[in-house]
Amino acid sequence: MADDGHTEPRILIDDRQSSPLPLAGLERLAAETLLAEGLAASELSLSFVTEDEIAGLHERYLHEAGPTDVLSFPLDEDDVDEHGVRVLGDVVIAPSVAARNNPRDRDAELRLLVVHGILHLLGHDHDEDEERAAMWAKQERYAGVEVP
């Protein structure tokens, strides 16, 4: 538990795009994912952005052109605020790209991307088959969405 008594993760939401989103549910999912990972005393930001904004971030930080669905920007593992809360970093999601990924159920895709981004903040990766299998299993369990 953090010094200030927090037993729930803090999720800071910033919606910078125009599509209506189930923000309360996505915030709850983010908190539940962090709790399942043993991180009650933690904080992250979850931003929903336009394709133009995520394309700019994609180019600037990964040197890849075009929009992507989710980007994660982890902070150093030792970043703890004055209350003992571990500040994890930022997850940035483009809902319009999520809608193209899964036109039948954009909200399911958003749930998957929230969990995917958080797992990246926590150091999970999917470059190797074994890593991918472990990450996909967690995504499916936390998001309730099967990963293709």
N, C-alpha and C. Protein backbone atom coordinates (compact mmCIF):
# COMPACT_ATOMS: atom_id res chain seq x y z
N MET A 1 0.84 -1.17 0.00
CA MET A 1 0.00 0.00 0.00
C MET A 1 0.89 1.24 0.00
N ALA A 2 0.47 2.24 -0.72
CA ALA A 2 1.21 3.49 -0.78
C ALA A 2 1.04 4.25 0.53
N ASP A 3 1.95 5.19 0.79
CA ASP A 3 1.90 5.99 2.01
C ASP A 3 0.60 6.75 2.19
N ASP A 4 -0.05 7.13 1.10
CA ASP A 4 -1.28 7.93 1.19
C ASP A 4 -2.52 7.05 1.31
N GLY A 5 -2.35 5.74 1.49
CA GLY A 5 -3.48 4.84 1.71
C GLY A 5 -4.12 4.30 0.45
N HIS A 6 -3.54 4.57 -0.72
CA HIS A 6 -4.13 4.07 -1.96
C HIS A 6 -4.02 2.56 -2.05
N THR A 7 -5.16 1.92 -2.24
CA THR A 7 -5.19 0.48 -2.46
C THR A 7 -5.69 0.17 -3.85
N GLU A 8 -5.97 1.20 -4.61
CA GLU A 8 -6.42 1.07 -5.99
C GLU A 8 -5.48 1.86 -6.89
N PRO A 9 -5.19 1.34 -8.06
CA PRO A 9 -4.37 2.12 -9.00
C PRO A 9 -5.08 3.40 -9.42
N ARG A 10 -4.28 4.40 -9.77
CA ARG A 10 -4.81 5.66 -10.32
C ARG A 10 -4.69 5.60 -11.83
N ILE A 11 -5.80 5.82 -12.51
CA ILE A 11 -5.80 5.84 -13.98
C ILE A 11 -6.21 7.25 -14.39
N LEU A 12 -5.31 7.94 -15.06
CA LEU A 12 -5.58 9.31 -15.52
C LEU A 12 -5.98 9.23 -16.99
N ILE A 13 -7.21 9.62 -17.29
CA ILE A 13 -7.74 9.49 -18.66
C ILE A 13 -7.73 10.85 -19.34
N ASP A 14 -7.28 10.85 -20.59
CA ASP A 14 -7.31 12.05 -21.42
C ASP A 14 -7.87 11.63 -22.78
N ASP A 15 -9.06 12.12 -23.10
CA ASP A 15 -9.73 11.78 -24.36
C ASP A 15 -9.59 12.97 -25.30
N ARG A 16 -8.68 12.85 -26.28
CA ARG A 16 -8.39 13.94 -27.21
C ARG A 16 -8.88 13.63 -28.62
N GLN A 17 -9.96 12.88 -28.74
CA GLN A 17 -10.53 12.56 -30.04
C GLN A 17 -12.05 12.68 -29.90
N SER A 18 -12.78 12.56 -31.00
CA SER A 18 -14.20 12.92 -30.97
C SER A 18 -15.18 11.75 -30.87
N SER A 19 -14.73 10.53 -31.00
CA SER A 19 -15.63 9.38 -30.96
C SER A 19 -16.06 9.09 -29.52
N PRO A 20 -17.35 8.84 -29.29
CA PRO A 20 -17.77 8.48 -27.92
C PRO A 20 -17.15 7.14 -27.52
N LEU A 21 -16.66 7.08 -26.29
CA LEU A 21 -15.98 5.89 -25.80
C LEU A 21 -16.54 5.47 -24.44
N PRO A 22 -16.45 4.18 -24.12
CA PRO A 22 -16.87 3.70 -22.79
C PRO A 22 -15.76 3.94 -21.77
N LEU A 23 -15.49 5.21 -21.47
CA LEU A 23 -14.33 5.57 -20.65
C LEU A 23 -14.35 4.95 -19.26
N ALA A 24 -15.50 4.94 -18.61
CA ALA A 24 -15.57 4.37 -17.24
C ALA A 24 -15.18 2.90 -17.26
N GLY A 25 -15.66 2.16 -18.24
CA GLY A 25 -15.34 0.74 -18.33
C GLY A 25 -13.87 0.51 -18.65
N LEU A 26 -13.29 1.35 -19.50
CA LEU A 26 -11.87 1.20 -19.84
C LEU A 26 -10.99 1.58 -18.66
N GLU A 27 -11.41 2.58 -17.90
CA GLU A 27 -10.67 2.95 -16.69
C GLU A 27 -10.72 1.80 -15.68
N ARG A 28 -11.88 1.21 -15.51
CA ARG A 28 -12.04 0.08 -14.60
C ARG A 28 -11.17 -1.11 -15.03
N LEU A 29 -11.17 -1.38 -16.34
CA LEU A 29 -10.35 -2.47 -16.88
C LEU A 29 -8.87 -2.22 -16.61
N ALA A 30 -8.41 -1.00 -16.81
CA ALA A 30 -7.01 -0.67 -16.56
C ALA A 30 -6.67 -0.92 -15.09
N ALA A 31 -7.54 -0.47 -14.18
CA ALA A 31 -7.29 -0.67 -12.76
C ALA A 31 -7.29 -2.15 -12.41
N GLU A 32 -8.24 -2.91 -12.95
CA GLU A 32 -8.32 -4.35 -12.68
C GLU A 32 -7.08 -5.07 -13.20
N THR A 33 -6.57 -4.64 -14.34
CA THR A 33 -5.35 -5.25 -14.90
C THR A 33 -4.17 -5.00 -13.98
N LEU A 34 -4.03 -3.78 -13.50
CA LEU A 34 -2.92 -3.47 -12.60
C LEU A 34 -3.04 -4.23 -11.28
N LEU A 35 -4.26 -4.33 -10.75
CA LEU A 35 -4.46 -5.10 -9.52
C LEU A 35 -4.09 -6.57 -9.73
N ALA A 36 -4.49 -7.12 -10.88
CA ALA A 36 -4.16 -8.52 -11.18
C ALA A 36 -2.66 -8.73 -11.30
N GLU A 37 -1.95 -7.68 -11.69
CA GLU A 37 -0.50 -7.75 -11.81
C GLU A 37 0.21 -7.37 -10.51
N GLY A 38 -0.57 -7.16 -9.45
CA GLY A 38 0.02 -6.87 -8.14
C GLY A 38 0.47 -5.44 -7.96
N LEU A 39 -0.16 -4.50 -8.68
CA LEU A 39 0.29 -3.11 -8.64
C LEU A 39 -0.82 -2.17 -8.16
N ALA A 40 -1.27 -2.37 -6.94
CA ALA A 40 -2.31 -1.51 -6.37
C ALA A 40 -1.81 -0.07 -6.23
N ALA A 41 -0.59 0.11 -5.78
CA ALA A 41 -0.01 1.44 -5.58
C ALA A 41 0.70 1.86 -6.85
N SER A 42 -0.10 2.14 -7.88
CA SER A 42 0.48 2.52 -9.17
C SER A 42 -0.40 3.55 -9.85
N GLU A 43 0.19 4.17 -10.87
CA GLU A 43 -0.52 5.19 -11.63
C GLU A 43 -0.06 5.11 -13.08
N LEU A 44 -1.01 5.33 -13.99
CA LEU A 44 -0.66 5.45 -15.41
C LEU A 44 -1.63 6.41 -16.07
N SER A 45 -1.21 6.92 -17.20
CA SER A 45 -2.12 7.74 -17.99
C SER A 45 -2.57 6.94 -19.20
N LEU A 46 -3.81 7.12 -19.55
CA LEU A 46 -4.44 6.44 -20.67
C LEU A 46 -5.04 7.52 -21.55
N SER A 47 -4.45 7.70 -22.74
CA SER A 47 -4.89 8.76 -23.64
C SER A 47 -5.49 8.17 -24.91
N PHE A 48 -6.61 8.74 -25.31
CA PHE A 48 -7.28 8.36 -26.55
C PHE A 48 -7.12 9.53 -27.51
N VAL A 49 -6.51 9.25 -28.67
CA VAL A 49 -6.08 10.32 -29.56
C VAL A 49 -6.53 10.08 -31.00
N THR A 50 -6.36 11.09 -31.81
CA THR A 50 -6.68 11.01 -33.23
C THR A 50 -5.60 10.21 -33.97
N GLU A 51 -5.92 9.81 -35.18
CA GLU A 51 -4.93 9.12 -36.01
C GLU A 51 -3.74 10.02 -36.30
N ASP A 52 -3.98 11.29 -36.53
CA ASP A 52 -2.87 12.20 -36.81
C ASP A 52 -1.91 12.28 -35.61
N GLU A 53 -2.48 12.35 -34.42
CA GLU A 53 -1.62 12.46 -33.24
C GLU A 53 -0.80 11.18 -33.04
N ILE A 54 -1.44 10.02 -33.16
CA ILE A 54 -0.68 8.78 -32.93
C ILE A 54 0.33 8.54 -34.06
N ALA A 55 -0.01 8.97 -35.29
CA ALA A 55 0.95 8.85 -36.39
C ALA A 55 2.19 9.70 -36.10
N GLY A 56 1.99 10.89 -35.55
CA GLY A 56 3.12 11.74 -35.18
C GLY A 56 3.99 11.11 -34.10
N LEU A 57 3.35 10.53 -33.10
CA LEU A 57 4.09 9.85 -32.03
C LEU A 57 4.82 8.62 -32.57
N HIS A 58 4.17 7.87 -33.44
CA HIS A 58 4.74 6.67 -34.05
C HIS A 58 6.02 7.02 -34.82
N GLU A 59 5.95 8.10 -35.59
CA GLU A 59 7.10 8.55 -36.37
C GLU A 59 8.21 9.06 -35.44
N ARG A 60 7.82 9.89 -34.48
CA ARG A 60 8.81 10.53 -33.61
C ARG A 60 9.57 9.52 -32.74
N TYR A 61 8.85 8.56 -32.16
CA TYR A 61 9.49 7.68 -31.18
C TYR A 61 9.90 6.32 -31.73
N LEU A 62 9.20 5.81 -32.76
CA LEU A 62 9.56 4.51 -33.31
C LEU A 62 10.11 4.61 -34.73
N HIS A 63 10.11 5.82 -35.28
CA HIS A 63 10.62 6.09 -36.62
C HIS A 63 9.91 5.23 -37.67
N GLU A 64 8.59 5.05 -37.46
CA GLU A 64 7.76 4.32 -38.40
C GLU A 64 6.62 5.23 -38.85
N ALA A 65 6.38 5.25 -40.15
CA ALA A 65 5.36 6.14 -40.70
C ALA A 65 3.96 5.58 -40.50
N GLY A 66 3.01 6.47 -40.37
CA GLY A 66 1.60 6.09 -40.32
C GLY A 66 1.08 5.84 -38.92
N PRO A 67 -0.23 5.80 -38.80
CA PRO A 67 -0.84 5.56 -37.49
C PRO A 67 -0.71 4.11 -37.07
N THR A 68 -0.75 3.90 -35.78
CA THR A 68 -0.80 2.57 -35.19
C THR A 68 -1.95 2.57 -34.20
N ASP A 69 -2.26 1.42 -33.61
CA ASP A 69 -3.40 1.36 -32.71
C ASP A 69 -3.06 1.75 -31.28
N VAL A 70 -1.89 1.33 -30.78
CA VAL A 70 -1.52 1.61 -29.40
C VAL A 70 -0.02 1.80 -29.28
N LEU A 71 0.37 2.73 -28.43
CA LEU A 71 1.77 2.95 -28.10
C LEU A 71 1.88 3.01 -26.57
N SER A 72 2.96 2.48 -26.05
CA SER A 72 3.23 2.53 -24.62
C SER A 72 4.54 3.24 -24.38
N PHE A 73 4.53 4.11 -23.38
CA PHE A 73 5.72 4.87 -23.02
C PHE A 73 6.02 4.63 -21.54
N PRO A 74 6.78 3.56 -21.24
CA PRO A 74 7.06 3.25 -19.84
C PRO A 74 8.05 4.23 -19.23
N LEU A 75 7.88 4.46 -17.94
CA LEU A 75 8.85 5.22 -17.18
C LEU A 75 9.79 4.23 -16.51
N ASP A 76 10.83 4.74 -15.94
CA ASP A 76 11.79 3.91 -15.23
C ASP A 76 11.08 3.17 -14.10
N GLU A 77 11.43 1.91 -13.90
CA GLU A 77 10.81 1.09 -12.87
C GLU A 77 10.90 1.71 -11.48
N ASP A 78 11.86 2.59 -11.27
CA ASP A 78 12.06 3.19 -9.96
C ASP A 78 11.29 4.50 -9.78
N ASP A 79 10.48 4.90 -10.77
CA ASP A 79 9.73 6.14 -10.66
C ASP A 79 8.58 5.97 -9.68
N VAL A 80 8.77 6.49 -8.47
CA VAL A 80 7.77 6.43 -7.42
C VAL A 80 7.54 7.85 -6.95
N ASP A 81 6.25 8.23 -6.81
CA ASP A 81 5.97 9.60 -6.38
C ASP A 81 6.16 9.73 -4.87
N GLU A 82 5.89 10.93 -4.35
CA GLU A 82 6.13 11.21 -2.93
C GLU A 82 5.24 10.40 -1.99
N HIS A 83 4.21 9.74 -2.53
CA HIS A 83 3.30 8.93 -1.72
C HIS A 83 3.60 7.44 -1.83
N GLY A 84 4.68 7.09 -2.53
CA GLY A 84 5.02 5.69 -2.69
C GLY A 84 4.27 5.00 -3.81
N VAL A 85 3.65 5.78 -4.69
CA VAL A 85 2.90 5.23 -5.82
C VAL A 85 3.85 5.11 -7.01
N ARG A 86 3.92 3.92 -7.60
CA ARG A 86 4.77 3.70 -8.78
C ARG A 86 4.09 4.28 -10.01
N VAL A 87 4.74 5.24 -10.64
CA VAL A 87 4.22 5.88 -11.85
C VAL A 87 4.75 5.09 -13.04
N LEU A 88 3.83 4.41 -13.73
CA LEU A 88 4.22 3.43 -14.75
C LEU A 88 4.52 4.04 -16.11
N GLY A 89 3.77 5.07 -16.51
CA GLY A 89 3.97 5.67 -17.82
C GLY A 89 2.65 5.95 -18.50
N ASP A 90 2.71 5.98 -19.83
CA ASP A 90 1.56 6.39 -20.64
C ASP A 90 1.20 5.33 -21.66
N VAL A 91 -0.10 5.10 -21.83
CA VAL A 91 -0.63 4.26 -22.90
C VAL A 91 -1.45 5.19 -23.78
N VAL A 92 -1.16 5.18 -25.08
CA VAL A 92 -1.84 6.04 -26.04
C VAL A 92 -2.53 5.15 -27.07
N ILE A 93 -3.84 5.38 -27.25
CA ILE A 93 -4.64 4.54 -28.14
C ILE A 93 -5.39 5.41 -29.14
N ALA A 94 -5.43 4.94 -30.40
CA ALA A 94 -6.21 5.60 -31.45
C ALA A 94 -7.49 4.79 -31.69
N PRO A 95 -8.64 5.24 -31.16
CA PRO A 95 -9.88 4.49 -31.33
C PRO A 95 -10.28 4.26 -32.79
N SER A 96 -9.97 5.18 -33.68
CA SER A 96 -10.34 4.99 -35.09
C SER A 96 -9.56 3.83 -35.70
N VAL A 97 -8.31 3.64 -35.28
CA VAL A 97 -7.53 2.49 -35.76
C VAL A 97 -8.09 1.21 -35.13
N ALA A 98 -8.46 1.27 -33.86
CA ALA A 98 -9.08 0.12 -33.20
C ALA A 98 -10.34 -0.30 -33.94
N ALA A 99 -11.12 0.67 -34.38
CA ALA A 99 -12.37 0.37 -35.11
C ALA A 99 -12.08 -0.34 -36.43
N ARG A 100 -10.99 0.02 -37.09
CA ARG A 100 -10.61 -0.67 -38.33
C ARG A 100 -10.09 -2.07 -38.04
N ASN A 101 -9.39 -2.22 -36.91
CA ASN A 101 -8.88 -3.55 -36.54
C ASN A 101 -10.01 -4.53 -36.31
N ASN A 102 -11.09 -4.05 -35.70
CA ASN A 102 -12.22 -4.91 -35.37
C ASN A 102 -13.52 -4.15 -35.62
N PRO A 103 -13.94 -4.05 -36.89
CA PRO A 103 -15.12 -3.26 -37.23
C PRO A 103 -16.41 -3.78 -36.58
N ARG A 104 -16.44 -5.04 -36.24
CA ARG A 104 -17.66 -5.62 -35.63
C ARG A 104 -17.78 -5.27 -34.16
N ASP A 105 -16.64 -5.03 -33.48
CA ASP A 105 -16.69 -4.77 -32.04
C ASP A 105 -15.50 -3.90 -31.63
N ARG A 106 -15.63 -2.62 -31.94
CA ARG A 106 -14.57 -1.67 -31.60
C ARG A 106 -14.27 -1.67 -30.11
N ASP A 107 -15.31 -1.78 -29.26
CA ASP A 107 -15.09 -1.71 -27.82
C ASP A 107 -14.29 -2.90 -27.31
N ALA A 108 -14.48 -4.07 -27.89
CA ALA A 108 -13.66 -5.23 -27.53
C ALA A 108 -12.21 -4.97 -27.92
N GLU A 109 -12.01 -4.37 -29.08
CA GLU A 109 -10.65 -4.05 -29.51
C GLU A 109 -10.02 -3.01 -28.58
N LEU A 110 -10.79 -2.05 -28.13
CA LEU A 110 -10.28 -1.05 -27.19
C LEU A 110 -9.86 -1.73 -25.88
N ARG A 111 -10.67 -2.67 -25.38
CA ARG A 111 -10.30 -3.39 -24.16
C ARG A 111 -8.98 -4.13 -24.35
N LEU A 112 -8.86 -4.79 -25.48
CA LEU A 112 -7.63 -5.52 -25.78
C LEU A 112 -6.43 -4.57 -25.83
N LEU A 113 -6.60 -3.42 -26.46
CA LEU A 113 -5.49 -2.47 -26.58
C LEU A 113 -5.11 -1.85 -25.24
N VAL A 114 -6.09 -1.59 -24.38
CA VAL A 114 -5.78 -1.07 -23.05
C VAL A 114 -4.89 -2.06 -22.31
N VAL A 115 -5.29 -3.32 -22.30
CA VAL A 115 -4.51 -4.34 -21.60
C VAL A 115 -3.16 -4.52 -22.27
N HIS A 116 -3.14 -4.57 -23.59
CA HIS A 116 -1.89 -4.73 -24.34
C HIS A 116 -0.90 -3.61 -23.97
N GLY A 117 -1.38 -2.39 -23.99
CA GLY A 117 -0.52 -1.25 -23.67
C GLY A 117 0.01 -1.32 -22.25
N ILE A 118 -0.85 -1.70 -21.31
CA ILE A 118 -0.42 -1.80 -19.91
C ILE A 118 0.63 -2.90 -19.76
N LEU A 119 0.42 -4.03 -20.39
CA LEU A 119 1.40 -5.11 -20.29
C LEU A 119 2.76 -4.68 -20.85
N HIS A 120 2.75 -3.88 -21.92
CA HIS A 120 4.02 -3.34 -22.42
C HIS A 120 4.67 -2.42 -21.38
N LEU A 121 3.86 -1.59 -20.70
CA LEU A 121 4.43 -0.73 -19.65
C LEU A 121 5.12 -1.56 -18.58
N LEU A 122 4.59 -2.75 -18.34
CA LEU A 122 5.12 -3.61 -17.28
C LEU A 122 6.26 -4.50 -17.76
N GLY A 123 6.69 -4.31 -19.01
CA GLY A 123 7.85 -5.03 -19.51
C GLY A 123 7.55 -6.27 -20.33
N HIS A 124 6.28 -6.58 -20.55
CA HIS A 124 5.94 -7.74 -21.39
C HIS A 124 6.21 -7.39 -22.85
N ASP A 125 6.55 -8.42 -23.61
CA ASP A 125 6.80 -8.21 -25.03
C ASP A 125 6.29 -9.41 -25.80
N HIS A 126 6.29 -9.30 -27.13
CA HIS A 126 5.78 -10.39 -27.96
C HIS A 126 6.68 -10.65 -29.16
N ASP A 127 7.96 -10.40 -28.99
CA ASP A 127 8.91 -10.64 -30.09
C ASP A 127 9.18 -12.13 -30.28
N GLU A 128 9.26 -12.86 -29.19
CA GLU A 128 9.53 -14.30 -29.25
C GLU A 128 8.24 -15.07 -29.02
N ASP A 129 8.15 -16.29 -29.57
CA ASP A 129 6.93 -17.10 -29.45
C ASP A 129 6.50 -17.32 -28.01
N GLU A 130 7.45 -17.64 -27.14
CA GLU A 130 7.13 -17.91 -25.74
C GLU A 130 6.60 -16.65 -25.04
N GLU A 131 7.26 -15.52 -25.29
CA GLU A 131 6.80 -14.25 -24.73
C GLU A 131 5.40 -13.91 -25.23
N ARG A 132 5.19 -14.10 -26.53
CA ARG A 132 3.91 -13.80 -27.15
C ARG A 132 2.79 -14.64 -26.52
N ALA A 133 3.04 -15.92 -26.35
CA ALA A 133 2.03 -16.80 -25.77
C ALA A 133 1.65 -16.35 -24.36
N ALA A 134 2.65 -15.98 -23.56
CA ALA A 134 2.37 -15.54 -22.20
C ALA A 134 1.60 -14.21 -22.20
N MET A 135 2.01 -13.28 -23.05
CA MET A 135 1.34 -11.97 -23.10
C MET A 135 -0.08 -12.13 -23.62
N TRP A 136 -0.28 -12.92 -24.67
CA TRP A 136 -1.61 -13.11 -25.25
C TRP A 136 -2.55 -13.76 -24.22
N ALA A 137 -2.03 -14.71 -23.44
CA ALA A 137 -2.86 -15.37 -22.43
C ALA A 137 -3.34 -14.36 -21.39
N LYS A 138 -2.45 -13.48 -20.96
CA LYS A 138 -2.84 -12.43 -20.00
C LYS A 138 -3.85 -11.47 -20.63
N GLN A 139 -3.61 -11.08 -21.87
CA GLN A 139 -4.54 -10.17 -22.55
C GLN A 139 -5.94 -10.77 -22.60
N GLU A 140 -6.01 -12.02 -22.99
CA GLU A 140 -7.31 -12.68 -23.11
C GLU A 140 -8.00 -12.77 -21.74
N ARG A 141 -7.22 -13.12 -20.72
CA ARG A 141 -7.79 -13.26 -19.38
C ARG A 141 -8.28 -11.91 -18.86
N TYR A 142 -7.48 -10.87 -18.98
CA TYR A 142 -7.84 -9.57 -18.42
C TYR A 142 -8.90 -8.84 -19.25
N ALA A 143 -8.76 -8.87 -20.57
CA ALA A 143 -9.67 -8.11 -21.44
C ALA A 143 -10.94 -8.88 -21.76
N GLY A 144 -10.89 -10.21 -21.61
CA GLY A 144 -12.05 -11.01 -21.98
C GLY A 144 -12.27 -11.05 -23.48
N VAL A 145 -11.18 -10.86 -24.22
CA VAL A 145 -11.23 -10.82 -25.68
C VAL A 145 -10.20 -11.80 -26.21
N GLU A 146 -10.61 -12.67 -27.11
CA GLU A 146 -9.67 -13.62 -27.71
C GLU A 146 -8.75 -12.89 -28.68
N VAL A 147 -7.47 -13.20 -28.57
CA VAL A 147 -6.48 -12.60 -29.46
C VAL A 147 -6.32 -13.49 -30.67
N PRO A 148 -6.48 -12.90 -31.87
CA PRO A 148 -6.35 -13.73 -33.07
C PRO A 148 -4.94 -14.27 -33.28
